Amino acid sequence: MFALRRLFPALIVFALISGCASDQKLIDKNTSDKATFEGYYAQLLDFQKRPGVMIMNDMRSYVACDAYKNIVLGGAKYLPFVIEKIENGDFILNLAMTDITGIDVWVVYKNDYSSMDIKETSGEQFISKLWVRWWKEQGPTYMEYHP
């Protein structure tokens, strides 16, 4: 019993250190995911600047590269970074949100906007607004079930 009392403070310290190490691994992983995403994103932007791509009318042509595929394959772990780019005006990543989640955000909110003029509800900027709304309303739940 005496030995256990002497050992108890050491066990508490060990438990605290272990928890901190676990938290640090999570922080390192998130930092690593962000850096990896940013690398893919930079490659995607470079691809979009190519002369042959810049004249395309089809949005899928702007993402027809390995960098985009890697963003989509990254899945839910990249969603916070994708939505951050969308919030900053990169509407081309609306496609990534759809490809990663499998959700047609227009259908999700269609009833909310069915009475609006088509000019107000068409275009990628409007879809971006829907994705930002979806992220605020449903993103945390989605992330909980799609780690």
Protein backbone atom coordinates (compact mmCIF):
# COMPACT_ATOMS: atom_id res chain seq x y z
CA MET A 1 0.00 0.00 0.00
CA PHE A 2 2.84 2.39 0.87
CA ALA A 3 4.52 1.71 -2.49
CA LEU A 4 1.26 2.40 -4.32
CA ARG A 5 0.90 5.81 -2.63
CA ARG A 6 4.43 6.73 -3.67
CA LEU A 7 3.78 5.52 -7.21
CA PHE A 8 0.41 7.28 -7.61
CA PRO A 9 1.80 10.81 -8.37
CA ALA A 10 4.05 9.33 -11.02
CA LEU A 11 1.06 7.59 -12.63
CA ILE A 12 -0.85 10.88 -12.76
CA VAL A 13 2.09 12.65 -14.40
CA PHE A 14 2.46 9.80 -16.90
CA ALA A 15 -1.24 9.97 -17.77
CA LEU A 16 -1.03 13.73 -18.31
CA ILE A 17 2.08 13.41 -20.48
CA SER A 18 0.48 10.64 -22.52
CA GLY A 19 -2.59 12.78 -23.12
CA CYS A 20 -0.43 15.71 -24.21
CA ALA A 21 1.51 13.49 -26.59
CA SER A 22 -1.76 12.27 -28.07
CA ASP A 23 -2.99 15.84 -28.52
CA GLN A 24 0.32 16.79 -30.13
CA LYS A 25 -0.01 13.92 -32.63
CA LEU A 26 -3.48 15.20 -33.54
CA ILE A 27 -2.15 18.74 -33.99
CA ASP A 28 0.77 17.44 -36.08
CA LYS A 29 -1.61 15.36 -38.21
CA ASN A 30 -3.92 18.35 -38.84
CA THR A 31 -0.92 20.53 -39.71
CA SER A 32 0.36 17.82 -42.03
CA ASP A 33 -3.08 17.45 -43.66
CA LYS A 34 -3.27 21.22 -44.19
CA ALA A 35 0.21 21.33 -45.73
CA THR A 36 -0.57 18.39 -48.00
CA PHE A 37 -3.85 19.96 -49.07
CA GLU A 38 -2.15 23.30 -49.76
CA GLY A 39 0.41 21.52 -51.94
CA TYR A 40 -2.34 19.87 -53.98
CA TYR A 41 -4.23 23.14 -54.16
CA ALA A 42 -1.16 24.98 -55.48
CA GLN A 43 -0.74 22.28 -58.15
CA LEU A 44 -4.43 22.64 -59.06
CA LEU A 45 -4.05 26.40 -59.48
CA ASP A 46 -0.99 25.88 -61.68
CA PHE A 47 -2.95 23.41 -63.80
CA GLN A 48 -5.82 25.89 -64.19
CA LYS A 49 -3.41 28.54 -65.51
CA ARG A 50 -2.37 26.43 -68.49
CA PRO A 51 -3.43 28.05 -71.76
CA GLY A 52 -5.43 25.04 -72.95
CA VAL A 53 -7.35 24.87 -69.68
CA MET A 54 -8.06 28.58 -69.39
CA ILE A 55 -10.21 28.60 -72.54
CA MET A 56 -12.44 25.68 -71.52
CA ASN A 57 -16.11 26.26 -70.76
CA ASP A 58 -16.70 23.07 -68.82
CA MET A 59 -15.90 23.36 -65.10
CA ARG A 60 -14.73 19.75 -64.98
CA SER A 61 -11.95 20.70 -67.39
CA TYR A 62 -10.53 23.00 -64.72
CA VAL A 63 -10.09 20.10 -62.32
CA ALA A 64 -9.01 17.34 -64.72
CA CYS A 65 -5.66 16.73 -63.02
CA ASP A 66 -4.04 14.54 -60.39
CA ALA A 67 -3.94 17.33 -57.82
CA TYR A 68 -7.72 17.58 -57.83
CA LYS A 69 -8.07 13.80 -57.68
CA ASN A 70 -5.79 13.78 -54.64
CA ILE A 71 -7.90 16.43 -52.92
CA VAL A 72 -11.02 14.33 -53.49
CA LEU A 73 -9.25 11.13 -52.41
CA GLY A 74 -8.25 12.92 -49.20
CA GLY A 75 -11.94 12.87 -48.36
CA ALA A 76 -13.49 14.45 -45.32
CA LYS A 77 -10.16 15.39 -43.73
CA TYR A 78 -9.76 18.05 -46.44
CA LEU A 79 -13.28 19.49 -46.18
CA PRO A 80 -12.36 22.23 -43.65
CA PHE A 81 -9.62 23.43 -46.01
CA VAL A 82 -11.87 23.21 -49.07
CA ILE A 83 -14.63 25.22 -47.42
CA GLU A 84 -12.06 27.82 -46.33
CA LYS A 85 -11.07 28.28 -49.98
CA ILE A 86 -14.73 28.49 -51.02
CA GLU A 87 -15.37 31.15 -48.36
CA ASN A 88 -12.48 33.10 -49.87
CA GLY A 89 -14.02 32.98 -53.34
CA ASP A 90 -12.65 29.84 -55.01
CA PHE A 91 -15.92 28.54 -56.39
CA ILE A 92 -14.22 25.85 -58.48
CA LEU A 93 -13.87 23.85 -55.25
CA ASN A 94 -17.66 23.54 -55.13
CA LEU A 95 -16.98 20.47 -57.27
CA ALA A 96 -14.68 19.05 -54.61
CA MET A 97 -17.37 19.46 -51.95
CA THR A 98 -19.80 17.54 -54.16
CA ASP A 99 -17.26 14.88 -55.11
CA ILE A 100 -16.12 14.31 -51.52
CA THR A 101 -19.52 14.36 -49.81
CA GLY A 102 -21.69 12.98 -52.60
CA ILE A 103 -24.20 15.72 -51.74
CA ASP A 104 -25.98 17.89 -54.28
CA VAL A 105 -26.23 21.02 -52.16
CA TRP A 106 -28.72 22.59 -54.57
CA VAL A 107 -31.14 19.72 -53.89
CA VAL A 108 -30.61 20.03 -50.13
CA TYR A 109 -31.74 23.66 -50.13
CA LYS A 110 -33.93 23.67 -53.24
CA ASN A 111 -37.16 24.37 -51.37
CA ASP A 112 -35.60 27.40 -49.66
CA TYR A 113 -34.76 29.00 -53.00
CA SER A 114 -37.43 27.74 -55.38
CA SER A 115 -39.33 31.04 -55.27
CA MET A 116 -36.26 33.14 -56.14
CA ASP A 117 -35.49 34.46 -59.59
CA ILE A 118 -33.22 32.16 -61.59
CA LYS A 119 -30.70 35.00 -61.96
CA GLU A 120 -30.32 35.07 -58.19
CA THR A 121 -29.92 31.33 -57.83
CA SER A 122 -27.72 30.44 -60.78
CA GLY A 123 -23.99 30.52 -60.88
CA GLU A 124 -21.19 29.10 -58.84
CA GLN A 125 -21.09 32.00 -56.39
CA PHE A 126 -24.60 31.08 -55.30
CA ILE A 127 -23.63 27.41 -54.98
CA SER A 128 -20.66 28.53 -52.87
CA LYS A 129 -23.07 30.31 -50.51
CA LEU A 130 -25.09 27.11 -50.22
CA TRP A 131 -21.96 25.11 -49.40
CA VAL A 132 -20.95 27.61 -46.72
CA ARG A 133 -24.43 27.37 -45.27
CA TRP A 134 -24.35 23.55 -45.40
CA TRP A 135 -20.95 23.53 -43.69
CA LYS A 136 -22.19 25.73 -40.84
CA GLU A 137 -25.39 23.73 -40.39
CA GLN A 138 -24.31 20.18 -41.13
CA GLY A 139 -20.54 20.13 -41.45
CA PRO A 140 -19.79 19.20 -37.83
CA THR A 141 -22.24 16.28 -37.94
CA TYR A 142 -20.87 15.13 -41.28
CA MET A 143 -17.30 15.24 -39.93
CA GLU A 144 -18.35 13.27 -36.87
CA TYR A 145 -19.52 10.38 -39.07
CA HIS A 146 -16.83 10.73 -41.76
CA PRO A 147 -13.52 11.15 -39.92
